Amino acid sequence: MRKRILVTGAAGAVGLETLKELQRRNGQYEITAFGKDKREHRRILKNCCGKFKAIYGDIRDKAITDKLAENIDFVIHLAAVIPPLADKYPQLTKEVNLGGTKNLLKSLEEKSPNAFFLFASSIAIYGDRLKNHLIKVGDELSPSLGDDYAGTKIRTEAEVKKSQLNWSIFRLTAIMNPKQKFDPIMFHMPLETKMEICTTRDTAFAFVQAIEEKEFLSKKTFNLGGGENCRVIFKDFLNINLINSGLGENAFPANAFAKGNFHCGYYTDSDELNKILDFQRENLEDYYQQFKDVIGSFKISLARIFRPLIIFYFLRQSEPLIAVKTRDEKLTNRFFPKEKPMP
């Protein structure tokens, strides 16, 4: 009998790759994909490869989670409001990330009590690690100032752990999708931040591998990162992608970026999950090439021609730069934290 898999957040970057990876397993799984009831999500899932059952709705609706939870063996729970939307709508973020997950857990306990629940958490819960960039699972959970998204992930992890289901938690590093559009949240990250990325393909591979290795994951929390071959300083990562996109090195001034209060670092224990799932297949060079291939030579040429206009457009969305120009004290304290005096 085929295992029945539920993927929430299926229309997102990792969700789509997860669906594709499930399809590569030669019909081993009966798949249900959950997306929001909006035209874009319906279009994305309709155009996705392979055969699966699609359900659309609002995870805050218990009737929807009851429908999702019918006869499920394994859940890959990716649905969440993420930054920058999470920063703008903290109440919505709480309702979806925490409340929606609680709904789903309750529905599964009622309708599929033997299901295994794999929850996608985030490196954001460790907070600002600019000075102490080496991160392991047992570290203190201390979200950066103003990071409501991270707060919901911490509270949701607690709900998962106290549920009646079997579970595992993967704390995802900076997951890089080569098709990702410009995101102004990049300006929130200090240029000297240490990053350990993981590609969407490797991340999806890990989630699907987990289905067959759940006995080694049961009731455990792991850091999911790309490993040593995916470690880089943000400034270098950004510049390579800017060059590959046609905008050129150092396209943005240093004062457009925050000086603190942002997460990311190097996972010192990501090898523990890799030993079980063997998912760290791609490195930084693989990602750079994927990014370049997605853009294509035509868009690169256009970017070179319209470089000043593109840079001007991006800089208008830099919140750290806006905070300084408007003298917004709250945002200035968030993006440019003062050094704490030595004891």
C-alpha atoms as a PDB file:
ATOM      1  CA  MET A   1       0.000   0.000   0.000  1.00  0.00           C
ATOM      2  CA  ARG A   2       1.337   3.417  -0.960  1.00  0.00           C
ATOM      3  CA  LYS A   3       2.104   5.850   1.843  1.00  0.00           C
ATOM      4  CA  ARG A   4      -0.222   8.847   1.924  1.00  0.00           C
ATOM      5  CA  ILE A   5       1.733  12.104   2.070  1.00  0.00           C
ATOM      6  CA  LEU A   6       0.393  15.586   2.822  1.00  0.00           C
ATOM      7  CA  VAL A   7       2.477  18.593   1.736  1.00  0.00           C
ATOM      8  CA  THR A   8       1.275  21.961   3.036  1.00  0.00           C
ATOM      9  CA  GLY A   9       2.565  25.171   1.506  1.00  0.00           C
ATOM     10  CA  ALA A  10       2.860  23.162  -1.691  1.00  0.00           C
ATOM     11  CA  ALA A  11       2.813  26.192  -4.007  1.00  0.00           C
ATOM     12  CA  GLY A  12       5.905  27.712  -2.399  1.00  0.00           C
ATOM     13  CA  ALA A  13       9.460  27.239  -3.677  1.00  0.00           C
ATOM     14  CA  VAL A  14      10.331  24.345  -1.350  1.00  0.00           C
ATOM     15  CA  GLY A  15       6.827  22.918  -1.619  1.00  0.00           C
ATOM     16  CA  LEU A  16       7.029  22.682  -5.398  1.00  0.00           C
ATOM     17  CA  GLU A  17      10.440  21.037  -5.274  1.00  0.00           C
ATOM     18  CA  THR A  18       9.077  18.610  -2.685  1.00  0.00           C
ATOM     19  CA  LEU A  19       6.200  17.663  -4.986  1.00  0.00           C
ATOM     20  CA  LYS A  20       8.665  17.115  -7.837  1.00  0.00           C
ATOM     21  CA  GLU A  21      10.904  14.961  -5.641  1.00  0.00           C
ATOM     22  CA  LEU A  22       7.936  12.880  -4.497  1.00  0.00           C
ATOM     23  CA  GLN A  23       7.024  12.328  -8.150  1.00  0.00           C
ATOM     24  CA  ARG A  24      10.553  11.091  -8.885  1.00  0.00           C
ATOM     25  CA  ARG A  25       9.992   8.177  -6.509  1.00  0.00           C
ATOM     26  CA  ASN A  26       8.132   6.149  -9.156  1.00  0.00           C
ATOM     27  CA  GLY A  27       4.652   6.184  -7.681  1.00  0.00           C
ATOM     28  CA  GLN A  28       5.654   5.164  -4.153  1.00  0.00           C
ATOM     29  CA  TYR A  29       3.408   7.797  -2.607  1.00  0.00           C
ATOM     30  CA  GLU A  30      -0.176   8.999  -2.727  1.00  0.00           C
ATOM     31  CA  ILE A  31       0.208  12.766  -2.539  1.00  0.00           C
ATOM     32  CA  THR A  32      -2.077  15.524  -1.280  1.00  0.00           C
ATOM     33  CA  ALA A  33      -0.897  19.097  -1.918  1.00  0.00           C
ATOM     34  CA  PHE A  34      -2.362  21.989   0.048  1.00  0.00           C
ATOM     35  CA  GLY A  35      -2.304  25.588  -1.166  1.00  0.00           C
ATOM     36  CA  LYS A  36      -4.126  28.810  -0.472  1.00  0.00           C
ATOM     37  CA  ASP A  37      -7.408  29.333  -2.286  1.00  0.00           C
ATOM     38  CA  LYS A  38      -6.111  31.970  -4.660  1.00  0.00           C
ATOM     39  CA  ARG A  39      -5.664  32.081  -8.407  1.00  0.00           C
ATOM     40  CA  GLU A  40      -1.866  32.101  -8.296  1.00  0.00           C
ATOM     41  CA  HIS A  41      -1.627  28.978  -6.137  1.00  0.00           C
ATOM     42  CA  ARG A  42      -4.132  27.147  -8.317  1.00  0.00           C
ATOM     43  CA  ARG A  43      -2.152  28.077 -11.420  1.00  0.00           C
ATOM     44  CA  ILE A  44       1.156  26.978  -9.893  1.00  0.00           C
ATOM     45  CA  LEU A  45      -0.103  23.602  -8.725  1.00  0.00           C
ATOM     46  CA  LYS A  46      -2.039  22.982 -11.945  1.00  0.00           C
ATOM     47  CA  ASN A  47       1.160  23.468 -13.938  1.00  0.00           C
ATOM     48  CA  CYS A  48       3.277  21.356 -11.603  1.00  0.00           C
ATOM     49  CA  CYS A  49       4.445  17.979 -12.848  1.00  0.00           C
ATOM     50  CA  GLY A  50       2.914  14.643 -11.954  1.00  0.00           C
ATOM     51  CA  LYS A  51      -0.268  13.395 -10.379  1.00  0.00           C
ATOM     52  CA  PHE A  52      -1.509  14.472  -6.965  1.00  0.00           C
ATOM     53  CA  LYS A  53      -4.647  15.604  -5.184  1.00  0.00           C
ATOM     54  CA  ALA A  54      -4.828  19.364  -4.659  1.00  0.00           C
ATOM     55  CA  ILE A  55      -6.819  20.934  -1.833  1.00  0.00           C
ATOM     56  CA  TYR A  56      -7.160  24.707  -1.471  1.00  0.00           C
ATOM     57  CA  GLY A  57      -8.239  26.746   1.506  1.00  0.00           C
ATOM     58  CA  ASP A  58      -7.245  28.620   4.629  1.00  0.00           C
ATOM     59  CA  ILE A  59      -5.268  26.708   7.258  1.00  0.00           C
ATOM     60  CA  ARG A  60      -6.920  28.864   9.917  1.00  0.00           C
ATOM     61  CA  ASP A  61     -10.182  27.070   9.103  1.00  0.00           C
ATOM     62  CA  LYS A  62     -10.542  23.876  11.177  1.00  0.00           C
ATOM     63  CA  ALA A  63     -12.925  22.438   8.599  1.00  0.00           C
ATOM     64  CA  ILE A  64     -10.127  22.657   6.034  1.00  0.00           C
ATOM     65  CA  THR A  65      -7.527  21.031   8.283  1.00  0.00           C
ATOM     66  CA  ASP A  66     -10.038  18.266   9.063  1.00  0.00           C
ATOM     67  CA  LYS A  67     -10.280  17.613   5.337  1.00  0.00           C
ATOM     68  CA  LEU A  68      -6.504  17.619   4.949  1.00  0.00           C
ATOM     69  CA  ALA A  69      -6.002  15.217   7.837  1.00  0.00           C
ATOM     70  CA  GLU A  70      -8.106  12.359   6.493  1.00  0.00           C
ATOM     71  CA  ASN A  71      -6.094   9.127   6.089  1.00  0.00           C
ATOM     72  CA  ILE A  72      -2.585  10.608   6.163  1.00  0.00           C
ATOM     73  CA  ASP A  73       0.627   8.742   6.990  1.00  0.00           C
ATOM     74  CA  PHE A  74       3.207  11.532   6.775  1.00  0.00           C
ATOM     75  CA  VAL A  75       2.955  15.327   6.820  1.00  0.00           C
ATOM     76  CA  ILE A  76       5.541  17.742   5.431  1.00  0.00           C
ATOM     77  CA  HIS A  77       4.357  21.003   6.946  1.00  0.00           C
ATOM     78  CA  LEU A  78       5.733  23.996   5.050  1.00  0.00           C
ATOM     79  CA  ALA A  79       2.752  26.377   5.099  1.00  0.00           C
ATOM     80  CA  ALA A  80       3.656  29.676   6.773  1.00  0.00           C
ATOM     81  CA  VAL A  81       3.619  33.430   6.410  1.00  0.00           C
ATOM     82  CA  ILE A  82       7.266  34.403   5.921  1.00  0.00           C
ATOM     83  CA  PRO A  83       9.164  37.704   5.797  1.00  0.00           C
ATOM     84  CA  PRO A  84       8.822  40.336   4.490  1.00  0.00           C
ATOM     85  CA  LEU A  85       5.037  39.782   4.606  1.00  0.00           C
ATOM     86  CA  ALA A  86       5.383  38.486   8.169  1.00  0.00           C
ATOM     87  CA  ASP A  87       6.965  41.777   9.260  1.00  0.00           C
ATOM     88  CA  LYS A  88       4.079  43.797   7.852  1.00  0.00           C
ATOM     89  CA  TYR A  89       1.275  41.610   9.223  1.00  0.00           C
ATOM     90  CA  PRO A  90       2.299  40.163  12.615  1.00  0.00           C
ATOM     91  CA  GLN A  91      -1.264  39.205  13.587  1.00  0.00           C
ATOM     92  CA  LEU A  92      -1.792  37.285  10.352  1.00  0.00           C
ATOM     93  CA  THR A  93       1.587  35.599  10.881  1.00  0.00           C
ATOM     94  CA  LYS A  94       0.541  34.451  14.337  1.00  0.00           C
ATOM     95  CA  GLU A  95      -2.843  33.214  13.134  1.00  0.00           C
ATOM     96  CA  VAL A  96      -1.380  31.208  10.247  1.00  0.00           C
ATOM     97  CA  ASN A  97       1.954  29.991  11.592  1.00  0.00           C
ATOM     98  CA  LEU A  98       0.846  29.191  15.117  1.00  0.00           C
ATOM     99  CA  GLY A  99      -2.945  28.951  14.940  1.00  0.00           C
ATOM    100  CA  GLY A 100      -3.023  27.144  11.601  1.00  0.00           C
ATOM    101  CA  THR A 101      -0.475  24.580  12.756  1.00  0.00           C
ATOM    102  CA  LYS A 102      -2.422  23.983  15.960  1.00  0.00           C
ATOM    103  CA  ASN A 103      -5.518  23.338  13.834  1.00  0.00           C
ATOM    104  CA  LEU A 104      -3.651  20.851  11.680  1.00  0.00           C
ATOM    105  CA  LEU A 105      -2.129  19.049  14.662  1.00  0.00           C
ATOM    106  CA  LYS A 106      -5.558  18.735  16.302  1.00  0.00           C
ATOM    107  CA  SER A 107      -7.159  17.472  13.094  1.00  0.00           C
ATOM    108  CA  LEU A 108      -4.426  14.869  12.624  1.00  0.00           C
ATOM    109  CA  GLU A 109      -4.752  13.707  16.226  1.00  0.00           C
ATOM    110  CA  GLU A 110      -8.450  13.162  15.584  1.00  0.00           C
ATOM    111  CA  LYS A 111      -8.344  11.668  12.081  1.00  0.00           C
ATOM    112  CA  SER A 112      -4.835  10.262  11.518  1.00  0.00           C
ATOM    113  CA  PRO A 113      -3.319   9.738  14.972  1.00  0.00           C
ATOM    114  CA  ASN A 114      -0.513   7.537  13.612  1.00  0.00           C
ATOM    115  CA  ALA A 115       0.699  10.173  11.149  1.00  0.00           C
ATOM    116  CA  PHE A 116       4.280  11.434  11.356  1.00  0.00           C
ATOM    117  CA  PHE A 117       4.515  15.243  11.474  1.00  0.00           C
ATOM    118  CA  LEU A 118       7.618  16.892   9.972  1.00  0.00           C
ATOM    119  CA  PHE A 119       7.698  20.603  10.773  1.00  0.00           C
ATOM    120  CA  ALA A 120       9.780  23.179   8.879  1.00  0.00           C
ATOM    121  CA  SER A 121      11.122  25.653  11.427  1.00  0.00           C
ATOM    122  CA  SER A 122      13.762  28.323  10.802  1.00  0.00           C
ATOM    123  CA  ILE A 123      17.254  29.497  11.639  1.00  0.00           C
ATOM    124  CA  ALA A 124      15.556  32.805  12.503  1.00  0.00           C
ATOM    125  CA  ILE A 125      14.764  31.476  15.970  1.00  0.00           C
ATOM    126  CA  TYR A 126      18.453  31.768  16.958  1.00  0.00           C
ATOM    127  CA  GLY A 127      18.404  35.513  16.330  1.00  0.00           C
ATOM    128  CA  ASP A 128      21.362  37.785  15.650  1.00  0.00           C
ATOM    129  CA  ARG A 129      24.538  35.680  15.427  1.00  0.00           C
ATOM    130  CA  LEU A 130      26.814  38.220  13.761  1.00  0.00           C
ATOM    131  CA  LYS A 131      29.413  37.949  16.530  1.00  0.00           C
ATOM    132  CA  ASN A 132      28.797  34.301  17.394  1.00  0.00           C
ATOM    133  CA  HIS A 133      28.111  32.734  14.020  1.00  0.00           C
ATOM    134  CA  LEU A 134      28.545  29.053  14.942  1.00  0.00           C
ATOM    135  CA  ILE A 135      25.116  27.560  15.652  1.00  0.00           C
ATOM    136  CA  LYS A 136      23.956  24.215  17.048  1.00  0.00           C
ATOM    137  CA  VAL A 137      20.547  22.832  18.013  1.00  0.00           C
ATOM    138  CA  GLY A 138      20.991  23.315  21.760  1.00  0.00           C
ATOM    139  CA  ASP A 139      21.699  27.043  21.508  1.00  0.00           C
ATOM    140  CA  GLU A 140      19.462  29.625  23.140  1.00  0.00           C
ATOM    141  CA  LEU A 141      16.447  30.654  21.108  1.00  0.00           C
ATOM    142  CA  SER A 142      16.472  34.445  20.989  1.00  0.00           C
ATOM    143  CA  PRO A 143      14.767  36.113  17.993  1.00  0.00           C
ATOM    144  CA  SER A 144      16.117  39.372  16.661  1.00  0.00           C
ATOM    145  CA  LEU A 145      14.379  42.600  17.619  1.00  0.00           C
ATOM    146  CA  GLY A 146      11.122  42.956  15.698  1.00  0.00           C
ATOM    147  CA  ASP A 147      11.171  39.416  14.289  1.00  0.00           C
ATOM    148  CA  ASP A 148       7.607  38.262  14.954  1.00  0.00           C
ATOM    149  CA  TYR A 149       8.036  35.456  12.415  1.00  0.00           C
ATOM    150  CA  ALA A 150      10.760  33.828  14.522  1.00  0.00           C
ATOM    151  CA  GLY A 151       8.591  34.135  17.606  1.00  0.00           C
ATOM    152  CA  THR A 152       5.787  32.188  15.935  1.00  0.00           C
ATOM    153  CA  LYS A 153       8.231  29.453  14.920  1.00  0.00           C
ATOM    154  CA  ILE A 154       9.417  29.027  18.519  1.00  0.00           C
ATOM    155  CA  ARG A 155       5.865  28.802  19.856  1.00  0.00           C
ATOM    156  CA  THR A 156       4.848  26.427  17.073  1.00  0.00           C
ATOM    157  CA  GLU A 157       7.780  24.127  17.794  1.00  0.00           C
ATOM    158  CA  ALA A 158       6.462  23.854  21.360  1.00  0.00           C
ATOM    159  CA  GLU A 159       3.002  22.924  20.077  1.00  0.00           C
ATOM    160  CA  VAL A 160       4.461  20.238  17.821  1.00  0.00           C
ATOM    161  CA  LYS A 161       6.466  18.733  20.678  1.00  0.00           C
ATOM    162  CA  LYS A 162       3.492  18.503  23.027  1.00  0.00           C
ATOM    163  CA  SER A 163       1.173  17.008  20.415  1.00  0.00           C
ATOM    164  CA  GLN A 164       0.119  13.354  20.513  1.00  0.00           C
ATOM    165  CA  LEU A 165       1.721  12.719  17.120  1.00  0.00           C
ATOM    166  CA  ASN A 166       5.126  11.375  16.265  1.00  0.00           C
ATOM    167  CA  TRP A 167       7.191  14.301  14.997  1.00  0.00           C
ATOM    168  CA  SER A 168      10.485  15.799  13.921  1.00  0.00           C
ATOM    169  CA  ILE A 169      11.572  19.418  13.456  1.00  0.00           C
ATOM    170  CA  PHE A 170      13.962  20.691  10.780  1.00  0.00           C
ATOM    171  CA  ARG A 171      15.296  24.194  11.405  1.00  0.00           C
ATOM    172  CA  LEU A 172      15.952  25.439   7.893  1.00  0.00           C
ATOM    173  CA  THR A 173      18.925  27.616   7.060  1.00  0.00           C
ATOM    174  CA  ALA A 174      18.856  30.258   4.278  1.00  0.00           C
ATOM    175  CA  ILE A 175      17.067  28.258   1.591  1.00  0.00           C
ATOM    176  CA  MET A 176      18.028  29.582  -1.825  1.00  0.00           C
ATOM    177  CA  ASN A 177      15.726  29.297  -4.805  1.00  0.00           C
ATOM    178  CA  PRO A 178      17.400  30.263  -8.119  1.00  0.00           C
ATOM    179  CA  LYS A 179      14.007  31.461  -9.393  1.00  0.00           C
ATOM    180  CA  GLN A 180      13.436  33.742  -6.421  1.00  0.00           C
ATOM    181  CA  LYS A 181      12.522  37.319  -7.272  1.00  0.00           C
ATOM    182  CA  PHE A 182      14.123  40.335  -5.644  1.00  0.00           C
ATOM    183  CA  ASP A 183      13.275  40.473  -1.958  1.00  0.00           C
ATOM    184  CA  PRO A 184      13.933  43.721  -0.052  1.00  0.00           C
ATOM    185  CA  ILE A 185      14.580  41.667   3.075  1.00  0.00           C
ATOM    186  CA  MET A 186      18.139  41.263   1.766  1.00  0.00           C
ATOM    187  CA  PHE A 187      18.799  44.794   3.015  1.00  0.00           C
ATOM    188  CA  HIS A 188      17.977  43.624   6.552  1.00  0.00           C
ATOM    189  CA  MET A 189      21.078  41.418   6.543  1.00  0.00           C
ATOM    190  CA  PRO A 190      24.454  42.906   7.550  1.00  0.00           C
ATOM    191  CA  LEU A 191      27.024  42.484   4.791  1.00  0.00           C
ATOM    192  CA  GLU A 192      29.392  40.614   7.117  1.00  0.00           C
ATOM    193  CA  THR A 193      26.796  37.979   8.039  1.00  0.00           C
ATOM    194  CA  LYS A 194      27.985  34.377   7.770  1.00  0.00           C
ATOM    195  CA  MET A 195      25.593  32.220   5.721  1.00  0.00           C
ATOM    196  CA  GLU A 196      25.266  28.495   5.177  1.00  0.00           C
ATOM    197  CA  ILE A 197      22.786  28.180   2.351  1.00  0.00           C
ATOM    198  CA  CYS A 198      20.911  25.139   1.115  1.00  0.00           C
ATOM    199  CA  THR A 199      19.278  24.915  -2.307  1.00  0.00           C
ATOM    200  CA  THR A 200      15.562  24.283  -2.678  1.00  0.00           C
ATOM    201  CA  ARG A 201      16.333  20.992  -4.451  1.00  0.00           C
ATOM    202  CA  ASP A 202      18.488  19.649  -1.632  1.00  0.00           C
ATOM    203  CA  THR A 203      15.975  20.823   0.968  1.00  0.00           C
ATOM    204  CA  ALA A 204      13.126  19.047  -0.810  1.00  0.00           C
ATOM    205  CA  PHE A 205      15.271  15.928  -1.155  1.00  0.00           C
ATOM    206  CA  ALA A 206      15.791  15.932   2.611  1.00  0.00           C
ATOM    207  CA  PHE A 207      12.051  16.210   3.320  1.00  0.00           C
ATOM    208  CA  VAL A 208      11.234  13.299   1.039  1.00  0.00           C
ATOM    209  CA  GLN A 209      14.107  11.153   2.309  1.00  0.00           C
ATOM    210  CA  ALA A 210      12.708  11.683   5.803  1.00  0.00           C
ATOM    211  CA  ILE A 211       9.612   9.648   4.928  1.00  0.00           C
ATOM    212  CA  GLU A 212      11.631   6.437   4.815  1.00  0.00           C
ATOM    213  CA  GLU A 213      13.955   7.341   7.691  1.00  0.00           C
ATOM    214  CA  LYS A 214      11.455   8.559  10.248  1.00  0.00           C
ATOM    215  CA  GLU A 215      12.565   6.087  12.927  1.00  0.00           C
ATOM    216  CA  PHE A 216      15.913   7.946  13.081  1.00  0.00           C
ATOM    217  CA  LEU A 217      14.186  11.326  13.266  1.00  0.00           C
ATOM    218  CA  SER A 218      11.436  10.589  15.783  1.00  0.00           C
ATOM    219  CA  LYS A 219      10.983  13.229  18.513  1.00  0.00           C
ATOM    220  CA  LYS A 220      14.206  14.992  17.478  1.00  0.00           C
ATOM    221  CA  THR A 221      15.123  18.469  16.268  1.00  0.00           C
ATOM    222  CA  PHE A 222      17.756  19.047  13.576  1.00  0.00           C
ATOM    223  CA  ASN A 223      19.457  21.952  11.868  1.00  0.00           C
ATOM    224  CA  LEU A 224      19.122  21.653   8.095  1.00  0.00           C
ATOM    225  CA  GLY A 225      21.913  23.360   6.160  1.00  0.00           C
ATOM    226  CA  GLY A 226      23.985  22.759   3.063  1.00  0.00           C
ATOM    227  CA  GLY A 227      27.186  21.958   4.954  1.00  0.00           C
ATOM    228  CA  GLU A 228      30.723  23.337   4.674  1.00  0.00           C
ATOM    229  CA  ASN A 229      30.579  23.617   0.861  1.00  0.00           C
ATOM    230  CA  CYS A 230      27.652  26.018   1.165  1.00  0.00           C
ATOM    231  CA  ARG A 231      29.210  28.514   3.588  1.00  0.00           C
ATOM    232  CA  VAL A 232      29.836  32.091   2.512  1.00  0.00           C
ATOM    233  CA  ILE A 233      29.864  35.690   3.761  1.00  0.00           C
ATOM    234  CA  PHE A 234      26.753  37.531   2.634  1.00  0.00           C
ATOM    235  CA  LYS A 235      28.714  40.339   0.961  1.00  0.00           C
ATOM    236  CA  ASP A 236      30.518  37.830  -1.274  1.00  0.00           C
ATOM    237  CA  PHE A 237      27.331  35.877  -1.975  1.00  0.00           C
ATOM    238  CA  LEU A 238      25.495  39.057  -2.925  1.00  0.00           C
ATOM    239  CA  ASN A 239      28.269  40.330  -5.187  1.00  0.00           C
ATOM    240  CA  ILE A 240      28.532  37.088  -7.146  1.00  0.00           C
ATOM    241  CA  ASN A 241      24.789  37.106  -7.753  1.00  0.00           C
ATOM    242  CA  LEU A 242      24.846  40.789  -8.691  1.00  0.00           C
ATOM    243  CA  ILE A 243      27.589  40.121 -11.218  1.00  0.00           C
ATOM    244  CA  ASN A 244      25.708  37.119 -12.589  1.00  0.00           C
ATOM    245  CA  SER A 245      22.541  39.195 -12.923  1.00  0.00           C
ATOM    246  CA  GLY A 246      24.244  41.959 -14.899  1.00  0.00           C
ATOM    247  CA  LEU A 247      24.118  44.640 -12.186  1.00  0.00           C
ATOM    248  CA  GLY A 248      27.778  44.317 -11.258  1.00  0.00           C
ATOM    249  CA  GLU A 249      29.798  44.114  -8.060  1.00  0.00           C
ATOM    250  CA  ASN A 250      28.951  46.455  -5.159  1.00  0.00           C
ATOM    251  CA  ALA A 251      25.832  47.698  -6.933  1.00  0.00           C
ATOM    252  CA  PHE A 252      24.354  48.947  -3.644  1.00  0.00           C
ATOM    253  CA  PRO A 253      25.984  51.255  -1.075  1.00  0.00           C
ATOM    254  CA  ALA A 254      26.941  49.750   2.268  1.00  0.00           C
ATOM    255  CA  ASN A 255      24.559  52.084   4.144  1.00  0.00           C
ATOM    256  CA  ALA A 256      21.593  50.397   2.410  1.00  0.00           C
ATOM    257  CA  PHE A 257      22.163  47.357   4.641  1.00  0.00           C
ATOM    258  CA  ALA A 258      21.470  46.839   8.333  1.00  0.00           C
ATOM    259  CA  LYS A 259      24.300  46.541  10.841  1.00  0.00           C
ATOM    260  CA  GLY A 260      22.679  43.994  13.152  1.00  0.00           C
ATOM    261  CA  ASN A 261      19.512  42.266  14.403  1.00  0.00           C
ATOM    262  CA  PHE A 262      19.335  39.648  11.686  1.00  0.00           C
ATOM    263  CA  HIS A 263      19.785  35.898  11.858  1.00  0.00           C
ATOM    264  CA  CYS A 264      22.005  33.434   9.932  1.00  0.00           C
ATOM    265  CA  GLY A 265      25.326  31.752  10.618  1.00  0.00           C
ATOM    266  CA  TYR A 266      27.102  28.439  10.128  1.00  0.00           C
ATOM    267  CA  TYR A 267      25.459  25.266  11.441  1.00  0.00           C
ATOM    268  CA  THR A 268      28.100  23.217  13.244  1.00  0.00           C
ATOM    269  CA  ASP A 269      25.763  20.207  13.403  1.00  0.00           C
ATOM    270  CA  SER A 270      24.084  20.067   9.976  1.00  0.00           C
ATOM    271  CA  ASP A 271      26.130  16.929   9.306  1.00  0.00           C
ATOM    272  CA  GLU A 272      23.958  15.058  11.838  1.00  0.00           C
ATOM    273  CA  LEU A 273      20.901  15.273   9.594  1.00  0.00           C
ATOM    274  CA  ASN A 274      22.980  14.650   6.482  1.00  0.00           C
ATOM    275  CA  LYS A 275      24.273  11.370   7.939  1.00  0.00           C
ATOM    276  CA  ILE A 276      20.674  10.163   8.071  1.00  0.00           C
ATOM    277  CA  LEU A 277      19.272  11.656   4.852  1.00  0.00           C
ATOM    278  CA  ASP A 278      22.345  12.175   2.619  1.00  0.00           C
ATOM    279  CA  PHE A 279      20.831  15.313   1.070  1.00  0.00           C
ATOM    280  CA  GLN A 280      23.821  17.689   0.816  1.00  0.00           C
ATOM    281  CA  ARG A 281      24.435  17.181  -2.898  1.00  0.00           C
ATOM    282  CA  GLU A 282      24.816  20.743  -4.223  1.00  0.00           C
ATOM    283  CA  ASN A 283      27.338  23.451  -3.350  1.00  0.00           C
ATOM    284  CA  LEU A 284      27.633  27.213  -3.781  1.00  0.00           C
ATOM    285  CA  GLU A 285      28.904  26.950  -7.344  1.00  0.00           C
ATOM    286  CA  ASP A 286      25.889  24.810  -8.258  1.00  0.00           C
ATOM    287  CA  TYR A 287      23.571  27.488  -6.926  1.00  0.00           C
ATOM    288  CA  TYR A 288      25.380  30.330  -8.696  1.00  0.00           C
ATOM    289  CA  GLN A 289      25.089  28.478 -11.986  1.00  0.00           C
ATOM    290  CA  GLN A 290      21.392  27.711 -11.408  1.00  0.00           C
ATOM    291  CA  PHE A 291      20.763  31.391 -10.677  1.00  0.00           C
ATOM    292  CA  LYS A 292      22.613  32.479 -13.814  1.00  0.00           C
ATOM    293  CA  ASP A 293      20.781  29.936 -15.973  1.00  0.00           C
ATOM    294  CA  VAL A 294      17.385  31.075 -14.704  1.00  0.00           C
ATOM    295  CA  ILE A 295      18.092  34.733 -15.495  1.00  0.00           C
ATOM    296  CA  GLY A 296      19.385  34.027 -18.978  1.00  0.00           C
ATOM    297  CA  SER A 297      21.569  36.153 -21.241  1.00  0.00           C
ATOM    298  CA  PHE A 298      18.722  38.396 -22.450  1.00  0.00           C
ATOM    299  CA  LYS A 299      17.748  39.595 -18.963  1.00  0.00           C
ATOM    300  CA  ILE A 300      21.414  40.027 -18.050  1.00  0.00           C
ATOM    301  CA  SER A 301      21.866  42.306 -21.069  1.00  0.00           C
ATOM    302  CA  LEU A 302      18.780  44.320 -20.122  1.00  0.00           C
ATOM    303  CA  ALA A 303      20.019  44.672 -16.543  1.00  0.00           C
ATOM    304  CA  ARG A 304      23.305  46.123 -17.794  1.00  0.00           C
ATOM    305  CA  ILE A 305      21.492  48.654 -19.957  1.00  0.00           C
ATOM    306  CA  PHE A 306      19.024  49.757 -17.280  1.00  0.00           C
ATOM    307  CA  ARG A 307      21.387  49.312 -14.329  1.00  0.00           C
ATOM    308  CA  PRO A 308      20.949  52.843 -12.809  1.00  0.00           C
ATOM    309  CA  LEU A 309      17.158  52.616 -12.892  1.00  0.00           C
ATOM    310  CA  ILE A 310      17.112  49.112 -11.417  1.00  0.00           C
ATOM    311  CA  ILE A 311      19.459  50.087  -8.604  1.00  0.00           C
ATOM    312  CA  PHE A 312      17.408  53.213  -7.884  1.00  0.00           C
ATOM    313  CA  TYR A 313      14.225  51.115  -7.731  1.00  0.00           C
ATOM    314  CA  PHE A 314      15.804  48.584  -5.342  1.00  0.00           C
ATOM    315  CA  LEU A 315      17.269  51.225  -3.046  1.00  0.00           C
ATOM    316  CA  ARG A 316      13.870  52.839  -2.612  1.00  0.00           C
ATOM    317  CA  GLN A 317      12.846  49.591  -0.878  1.00  0.00           C
ATOM    318  CA  SER A 318      15.783  49.449   1.526  1.00  0.00           C
ATOM    319  CA  GLU A 319      14.188  49.822   4.961  1.00  0.00           C
ATOM    320  CA  PRO A 320      17.517  50.534   6.706  1.00  0.00           C
ATOM    321  CA  LEU A 321      18.139  53.385   4.258  1.00  0.00           C
ATOM    322  CA  ILE A 322      14.577  54.632   4.706  1.00  0.00           C
ATOM    323  CA  ALA A 323      14.984  54.495   8.504  1.00  0.00           C
ATOM    324  CA  VAL A 324      18.020  56.774   8.346  1.00  0.00           C
ATOM    325  CA  LYS A 325      16.505  59.220   5.855  1.00  0.00           C
ATOM    326  CA  THR A 326      13.215  59.533   7.751  1.00  0.00           C
ATOM    327  CA  ARG A 327      14.888  59.439  11.185  1.00  0.00           C
ATOM    328  CA  ASP A 328      12.562  56.660  12.260  1.00  0.00           C
ATOM    329  CA  GLU A 329      13.858  55.886  15.739  1.00  0.00           C
ATOM    330  CA  LYS A 330      12.179  52.479  16.061  1.00  0.00           C
ATOM    331  CA  LEU A 331      13.521  51.167  12.755  1.00  0.00           C
ATOM    332  CA  THR A 332      16.914  52.783  13.300  1.00  0.00           C
ATOM    333  CA  ASN A 333      17.283  50.945  16.626  1.00  0.00           C
ATOM    334  CA  ARG A 334      16.311  47.721  14.891  1.00  0.00           C
ATOM    335  CA  PHE A 335      18.631  47.952  11.915  1.00  0.00           C
ATOM    336  CA  PHE A 336      21.519  49.794  13.573  1.00  0.00           C
ATOM    337  CA  PRO A 337      21.735  48.474  17.150  1.00  0.00           C
ATOM    338  CA  LYS A 338      24.105  50.259  19.483  1.00  0.00           C
ATOM    339  CA  GLU A 339      27.055  48.395  20.916  1.00  0.00           C
ATOM    340  CA  LYS A 340      26.418  47.188  24.458  1.00  0.00           C
ATOM    341  CA  PRO A 341      28.989  48.521  26.926  1.00  0.00           C
ATOM    342  CA  MET A 342      31.526  46.032  28.255  1.00  0.00           C
ATOM    343  CA  PRO A 343      30.821  44.925  31.878  1.00  0.00           C
END
